[in-house]
Amino acid sequence: PDLLPRLDGIRRKASVMMGLSTDEAS
């Protein structure tokens, strides 16, 4: 029910922390 959305949320936050994007949406 929620595994893939939760993983994608973590992934998007990781993108910002790694400097790959300026925000989660991008």
PDB file of all heavy atoms in Angstrom:
ATOM      1  N   PRO A   1       0.782  -1.245   0.000  1.00  0.00           N
ATOM      2  CA  PRO A   1       0.000   0.000   0.000  1.00  0.00           C
ATOM      3  C   PRO A   1       0.810   1.290   0.000  1.00  0.00           C
ATOM      4  O   PRO A   1       0.354   2.300  -0.553  1.00  0.00           O
ATOM      5  CB  PRO A   1      -0.844  -0.114   1.273  1.00  0.00           C
ATOM      6  CG  PRO A   1      -0.123  -1.103   2.132  1.00  0.00           C
ATOM      7  CD  PRO A   1       0.499  -2.074   1.188  1.00  0.00           C
ATOM      8  N   ASP A   2       1.997   1.294   0.624  1.00  0.00           N
ATOM      9  CA  ASP A   2       2.719   2.568   0.690  1.00  0.00           C
ATOM     10  C   ASP A   2       4.229   2.454   0.519  1.00  0.00           C
ATOM     11  O   ASP A   2       4.941   3.444   0.667  1.00  0.00           O
ATOM     12  CB  ASP A   2       2.422   3.282   2.009  1.00  0.00           C
ATOM     13  CG  ASP A   2       2.895   2.478   3.234  1.00  0.00           C
ATOM     14  OD1 ASP A   2       3.515   1.418   3.058  1.00  0.00           O
ATOM     15  OD2 ASP A   2       2.633   2.930   4.359  1.00  0.00           O
ATOM     16  N   LEU A   3       4.744   1.280   0.182  1.00  0.00           N
ATOM     17  CA  LEU A   3       6.197   1.094   0.118  1.00  0.00           C
ATOM     18  C   LEU A   3       6.846   1.948  -0.971  1.00  0.00           C
ATOM     19  O   LEU A   3       7.815   2.674  -0.708  1.00  0.00           O
ATOM     20  CB  LEU A   3       6.542  -0.383  -0.106  1.00  0.00           C
ATOM     21  CG  LEU A   3       8.033  -0.712  -0.195  1.00  0.00           C
ATOM     22  CD1 LEU A   3       8.760  -0.311   1.076  1.00  0.00           C
ATOM     23  CD2 LEU A   3       8.230  -2.198  -0.493  1.00  0.00           C
ATOM     24  N   LEU A   4       6.334   1.876  -2.188  1.00  0.00           N
ATOM     25  CA  LEU A   4       6.964   2.616  -3.288  1.00  0.00           C
ATOM     26  C   LEU A   4       6.883   4.129  -3.096  1.00  0.00           C
ATOM     27  O   LEU A   4       7.877   4.840  -3.300  1.00  0.00           O
ATOM     28  CB  LEU A   4       6.364   2.197  -4.634  1.00  0.00           C
ATOM     29  CG  LEU A   4       6.642   0.747  -5.064  1.00  0.00           C
ATOM     30  CD1 LEU A   4       6.036   0.475  -6.436  1.00  0.00           C
ATOM     31  CD2 LEU A   4       8.140   0.454  -5.083  1.00  0.00           C
ATOM     32  N   PRO A   5       5.715   4.696  -2.694  1.00  0.00           N
ATOM     33  CA  PRO A   5       5.672   6.139  -2.430  1.00  0.00           C
ATOM     34  C   PRO A   5       6.630   6.553  -1.311  1.00  0.00           C
ATOM     35  O   PRO A   5       7.253   7.622  -1.392  1.00  0.00           O
ATOM     36  CB  PRO A   5       4.217   6.389  -2.039  1.00  0.00           C
ATOM     37  CG  PRO A   5       3.453   5.288  -2.685  1.00  0.00           C
ATOM     38  CD  PRO A   5       4.360   4.095  -2.626  1.00  0.00           C
ATOM     39  N   ARG A   6       6.764   5.717  -0.283  1.00  0.00           N
ATOM     40  CA  ARG A   6       7.659   6.073   0.812  1.00  0.00           C
ATOM     41  C   ARG A   6       9.117   6.057   0.346  1.00  0.00           C
ATOM     42  O   ARG A   6       9.894   6.945   0.687  1.00  0.00           O
ATOM     43  CB  ARG A   6       7.472   5.107   1.980  1.00  0.00           C
ATOM     44  CG  ARG A   6       8.197   5.567   3.243  1.00  0.00           C
ATOM     45  CD  ARG A   6       7.908   4.685   4.415  1.00  0.00           C
ATOM     46  NE  ARG A   6       8.626   5.153   5.599  1.00  0.00           N
ATOM     47  CZ  ARG A   6       8.737   4.462   6.717  1.00  0.00           C
ATOM     48  NH1 ARG A   6       8.163   3.268   6.822  1.00  0.00           N
ATOM     49  NH2 ARG A   6       9.408   4.955   7.742  1.00  0.00           N
ATOM     50  N   LEU A   7       9.466   5.041  -0.447  1.00  0.00           N
ATOM     51  CA  LEU A   7      10.831   4.977  -0.972  1.00  0.00           C
ATOM     52  C   LEU A   7      11.125   6.167  -1.883  1.00  0.00           C
ATOM     53  O   LEU A   7      12.228   6.716  -1.868  1.00  0.00           O
ATOM     54  CB  LEU A   7      11.050   3.662  -1.730  1.00  0.00           C
ATOM     55  CG  LEU A   7      11.278   2.416  -0.877  1.00  0.00           C
ATOM     56  CD1 LEU A   7      11.200   1.160  -1.737  1.00  0.00           C
ATOM     57  CD2 LEU A   7      12.643   2.497  -0.178  1.00  0.00           C
ATOM     58  N   ASP A   8      10.137   6.565  -2.682  1.00  0.00           N
ATOM     59  CA  ASP A   8      10.367   7.700  -3.569  1.00  0.00           C
ATOM     60  C   ASP A   8      10.503   8.991  -2.776  1.00  0.00           C
ATOM     61  O   ASP A   8      11.289   9.876  -3.149  1.00  0.00           O
ATOM     62  CB  ASP A   8       9.225   7.826  -4.580  1.00  0.00           C
ATOM     63  CG  ASP A   8       9.559   8.821  -5.688  1.00  0.00           C
ATOM     64  OD1 ASP A   8      10.552   8.590  -6.403  1.00  0.00           O
ATOM     65  OD2 ASP A   8       8.851   9.837  -5.824  1.00  0.00           O
ATOM     66  N   GLY A   9       9.771   9.129  -1.688  1.00  0.00           N
ATOM     67  CA  GLY A   9       9.929  10.306  -0.840  1.00  0.00           C
ATOM     68  C   GLY A   9      11.315  10.390  -0.242  1.00  0.00           C
ATOM     69  O   GLY A   9      11.930  11.464  -0.195  1.00  0.00           O
ATOM     70  N   ILE A  10      11.831   9.249   0.221  1.00  0.00           N
ATOM     71  CA  ILE A  10      13.201   9.198   0.755  1.00  0.00           C
ATOM     72  C   ILE A  10      14.192   9.537  -0.344  1.00  0.00           C
ATOM     73  O   ILE A  10      15.148  10.299  -0.141  1.00  0.00           O
ATOM     74  CB  ILE A  10      13.477   7.805   1.345  1.00  0.00           C
ATOM     75  CG1 ILE A  10      12.635   7.576   2.597  1.00  0.00           C
ATOM     76  CG2 ILE A  10      14.968   7.630   1.648  1.00  0.00           C
ATOM     77  CD1 ILE A  10      12.680   6.151   3.123  1.00  0.00           C
ATOM     78  N   ARG A  11      13.958   8.979  -1.533  1.00  0.00           N
ATOM     79  CA  ARG A  11      14.857   9.201  -2.665  1.00  0.00           C
ATOM     80  C   ARG A  11      14.923  10.679  -3.049  1.00  0.00           C
ATOM     81  O   ARG A  11      16.000  11.217  -3.342  1.00  0.00           O
ATOM     82  CB  ARG A  11      14.360   8.367  -3.857  1.00  0.00           C
ATOM     83  CG  ARG A  11      15.293   8.320  -5.052  1.00  0.00           C
ATOM     84  CD  ARG A  11      14.597   7.670  -6.244  1.00  0.00           C
ATOM     85  NE  ARG A  11      13.553   8.529  -6.775  1.00  0.00           N
ATOM     86  CZ  ARG A  11      13.776   9.533  -7.607  1.00  0.00           C
ATOM     87  NH1 ARG A  11      15.008   9.814  -7.996  1.00  0.00           N
ATOM     88  NH2 ARG A  11      12.776  10.273  -8.051  1.00  0.00           N
ATOM     89  N   ARG A  12      13.789  11.352  -3.049  1.00  0.00           N
ATOM     90  CA  ARG A  12      13.758  12.768  -3.422  1.00  0.00           C
ATOM     91  C   ARG A  12      14.467  13.632  -2.380  1.00  0.00           C
ATOM     92  O   ARG A  12      15.161  14.592  -2.733  1.00  0.00           O
ATOM     93  CB  ARG A  12      12.312  13.220  -3.633  1.00  0.00           C
ATOM     94  CG  ARG A  12      11.690  12.643  -4.896  1.00  0.00           C
ATOM     95  CD  ARG A  12      10.262  13.086  -5.110  1.00  0.00           C
ATOM     96  NE  ARG A  12       9.732  12.527  -6.346  1.00  0.00           N
ATOM     97  CZ  ARG A  12       9.909  13.059  -7.563  1.00  0.00           C
ATOM     98  NH1 ARG A  12      10.581  14.205  -7.683  1.00  0.00           N
ATOM     99  NH2 ARG A  12       9.417  12.483  -8.627  1.00  0.00           N
ATOM    100  N   LYS A  13      14.298  13.305  -1.120  1.00  0.00           N
ATOM    101  CA  LYS A  13      15.036  14.041  -0.085  1.00  0.00           C
ATOM    102  C   LYS A  13      16.529  13.788  -0.215  1.00  0.00           C
ATOM    103  O   LYS A  13      17.354  14.694  -0.028  1.00  0.00           O
ATOM    104  CB  LYS A  13      14.537  13.636   1.301  1.00  0.00           C
ATOM    105  CG  LYS A  13      13.159  14.204   1.651  1.00  0.00           C
ATOM    106  CD  LYS A  13      12.734  13.813   3.043  1.00  0.00           C
ATOM    107  CE  LYS A  13      11.467  14.561   3.470  1.00  0.00           C
ATOM    108  NZ  LYS A  13      10.324  14.292   2.595  1.00  0.00           N
ATOM    109  N   ALA A  14      16.903  12.564  -0.565  1.00  0.00           N
ATOM    110  CA  ALA A  14      18.311  12.231  -0.780  1.00  0.00           C
ATOM    111  C   ALA A  14      18.889  13.031  -1.947  1.00  0.00           C
ATOM    112  O   ALA A  14      20.042  13.458  -1.920  1.00  0.00           O
ATOM    113  CB  ALA A  14      18.470  10.736  -1.039  1.00  0.00           C
ATOM    114  N   SER A  15      18.078  13.262  -2.977  1.00  0.00           N
ATOM    115  CA  SER A  15      18.524  14.040  -4.128  1.00  0.00           C
ATOM    116  C   SER A  15      18.957  15.433  -3.705  1.00  0.00           C
ATOM    117  O   SER A  15      19.997  15.945  -4.144  1.00  0.00           O
ATOM    118  CB  SER A  15      17.404  14.125  -5.164  1.00  0.00           C
ATOM    119  OG  SER A  15      17.770  14.938  -6.261  1.00  0.00           O
ATOM    120  N   VAL A  16      18.175  16.049  -2.840  1.00  0.00           N
ATOM    121  CA  VAL A  16      18.506  17.392  -2.360  1.00  0.00           C
ATOM    122  C   VAL A  16      19.761  17.341  -1.498  1.00  0.00           C
ATOM    123  O   VAL A  16      20.671  18.175  -1.637  1.00  0.00           O
ATOM    124  CB  VAL A  16      17.327  17.984  -1.566  1.00  0.00           C
ATOM    125  CG1 VAL A  16      17.700  19.350  -0.997  1.00  0.00           C
ATOM    126  CG2 VAL A  16      16.089  18.105  -2.460  1.00  0.00           C
ATOM    127  N   MET A  17      19.858  16.366  -0.616  1.00  0.00           N
ATOM    128  CA  MET A  17      21.011  16.251   0.270  1.00  0.00           C
ATOM    129  C   MET A  17      22.303  15.988  -0.500  1.00  0.00           C
ATOM    130  O   MET A  17      23.381  16.419  -0.094  1.00  0.00           O
ATOM    131  CB  MET A  17      20.776  15.136   1.288  1.00  0.00           C
ATOM    132  CG  MET A  17      19.652  15.433   2.271  1.00  0.00           C
ATOM    133  SD  MET A  17      19.217  14.021   3.320  1.00  0.00           S
ATOM    134  CE  MET A  17      20.731  13.831   4.271  1.00  0.00           C
ATOM    135  N   MET A  18      22.200  15.296  -1.634  1.00  0.00           N
ATOM    136  CA  MET A  18      23.375  14.987  -2.443  1.00  0.00           C
ATOM    137  C   MET A  18      23.723  16.117  -3.408  1.00  0.00           C
ATOM    138  O   MET A  18      24.724  16.035  -4.130  1.00  0.00           O
ATOM    139  CB  MET A  18      23.148  13.685  -3.224  1.00  0.00           C
ATOM    140  CG  MET A  18      22.926  12.466  -2.345  1.00  0.00           C
ATOM    141  SD  MET A  18      22.472  10.970  -3.267  1.00  0.00           S
ATOM    142  CE  MET A  18      24.089  10.297  -3.650  1.00  0.00           C
ATOM    143  N   GLY A  19      22.890  17.154  -3.457  1.00  0.00           N
ATOM    144  CA  GLY A  19      23.149  18.273  -4.349  1.00  0.00           C
ATOM    145  C   GLY A  19      22.759  18.010  -5.781  1.00  0.00           C
ATOM    146  O   GLY A  19      23.186  18.735  -6.695  1.00  0.00           O
ATOM    147  N   LEU A  20      21.908  17.001  -6.002  1.00  0.00           N
ATOM    148  CA  LEU A  20      21.491  16.653  -7.357  1.00  0.00           C
ATOM    149  C   LEU A  20      20.314  17.497  -7.824  1.00  0.00           C
ATOM    150  O   LEU A  20      20.069  17.629  -9.016  1.00  0.00           O
ATOM    151  CB  LEU A  20      21.124  15.172  -7.435  1.00  0.00           C
ATOM    152  CG  LEU A  20      22.260  14.190  -7.130  1.00  0.00           C
ATOM    153  CD1 LEU A  20      21.709  12.778  -6.984  1.00  0.00           C
ATOM    154  CD2 LEU A  20      23.311  14.236  -8.238  1.00  0.00           C
ATOM    155  N   SER A  21      19.545  18.032  -6.866  1.00  0.00           N
ATOM    156  CA  SER A  21      18.412  18.894  -7.200  1.00  0.00           C
ATOM    157  C   SER A  21      18.261  19.952  -6.118  1.00  0.00           C
ATOM    158  O   SER A  21      18.727  19.772  -4.987  1.00  0.00           O
ATOM    159  CB  SER A  21      17.126  18.071  -7.332  1.00  0.00           C
ATOM    160  OG  SER A  21      16.797  17.438  -6.111  1.00  0.00           O
ATOM    161  N   THR A  22      17.628  21.036  -6.468  1.00  0.00           N
ATOM    162  CA  THR A  22      17.451  22.133  -5.515  1.00  0.00           C
ATOM    163  C   THR A  22      16.290  21.884  -4.568  1.00  0.00           C
ATOM    164  O   THR A  22      16.240  22.434  -3.475  1.00  0.00           O
ATOM    165  CB  THR A  22      17.222  23.463  -6.262  1.00  0.00           C
ATOM    166  OG1 THR A  22      16.099  23.314  -7.141  1.00  0.00           O
ATOM    167  CG2 THR A  22      18.454  23.833  -7.071  1.00  0.00           C
ATOM    168  N   ASP A  23      15.343  21.049  -5.009  1.00  0.00           N
ATOM    169  CA  ASP A  23      14.212  20.708  -4.147  1.00  0.00           C
ATOM    170  C   ASP A  23      13.702  19.332  -4.540  1.00  0.00           C
ATOM    171  O   ASP A  23      14.108  18.754  -5.564  1.00  0.00           O
ATOM    172  CB  ASP A  23      13.097  21.747  -4.240  1.00  0.00           C
ATOM    173  CG  ASP A  23      12.664  22.021  -5.669  1.00  0.00           C
ATOM    174  OD1 ASP A  23      12.428  21.042  -6.421  1.00  0.00           O
ATOM    175  OD2 ASP A  23      12.569  23.201  -6.054  1.00  0.00           O
ATOM    176  N   GLU A  24      12.808  18.794  -3.737  1.00  0.00           N
ATOM    177  CA  GLU A  24      12.307  17.438  -3.967  1.00  0.00           C
ATOM    178  C   GLU A  24      11.510  17.339  -5.266  1.00  0.00           C
ATOM    179  O   GLU A  24      11.582  16.342  -5.982  1.00  0.00           O
ATOM    180  CB  GLU A  24      11.452  16.993  -2.784  1.00  0.00           C
ATOM    181  CG  GLU A  24      12.228  16.868  -1.480  1.00  0.00           C
ATOM    182  CD  GLU A  24      11.330  16.556  -0.304  1.00  0.00           C
ATOM    183  OE1 GLU A  24      10.365  15.788  -0.483  1.00  0.00           O
ATOM    184  OE2 GLU A  24      11.587  17.088   0.793  1.00  0.00           O
ATOM    185  N   ALA A  25      10.769  18.369  -5.587  1.00  0.00           N
ATOM    186  CA  ALA A  25       9.917  18.330  -6.776  1.00  0.00           C
ATOM    187  C   ALA A  25      10.730  18.229  -8.061  1.00  0.00           C
ATOM    188  O   ALA A  25      10.266  17.643  -9.046  1.00  0.00           O
ATOM    189  CB  ALA A  25       9.019  19.557  -6.818  1.00  0.00           C
ATOM    190  N   SER A  26      11.925  18.798  -8.067  1.00  0.00           N
ATOM    191  CA  SER A  26      12.743  18.804  -9.285  1.00  0.00           C
ATOM    192  C   SER A  26      13.696  17.618  -9.373  1.00  0.00           C
ATOM    193  O   SER A  26      14.501  17.540 -10.297  1.00  0.00           O
ATOM    194  CB  SER A  26      13.537  20.109  -9.372  1.00  0.00           C
ATOM    195  OG  SER A  26      14.448  20.215  -8.283  1.00  0.00           O
TER     196      SER A  26
END
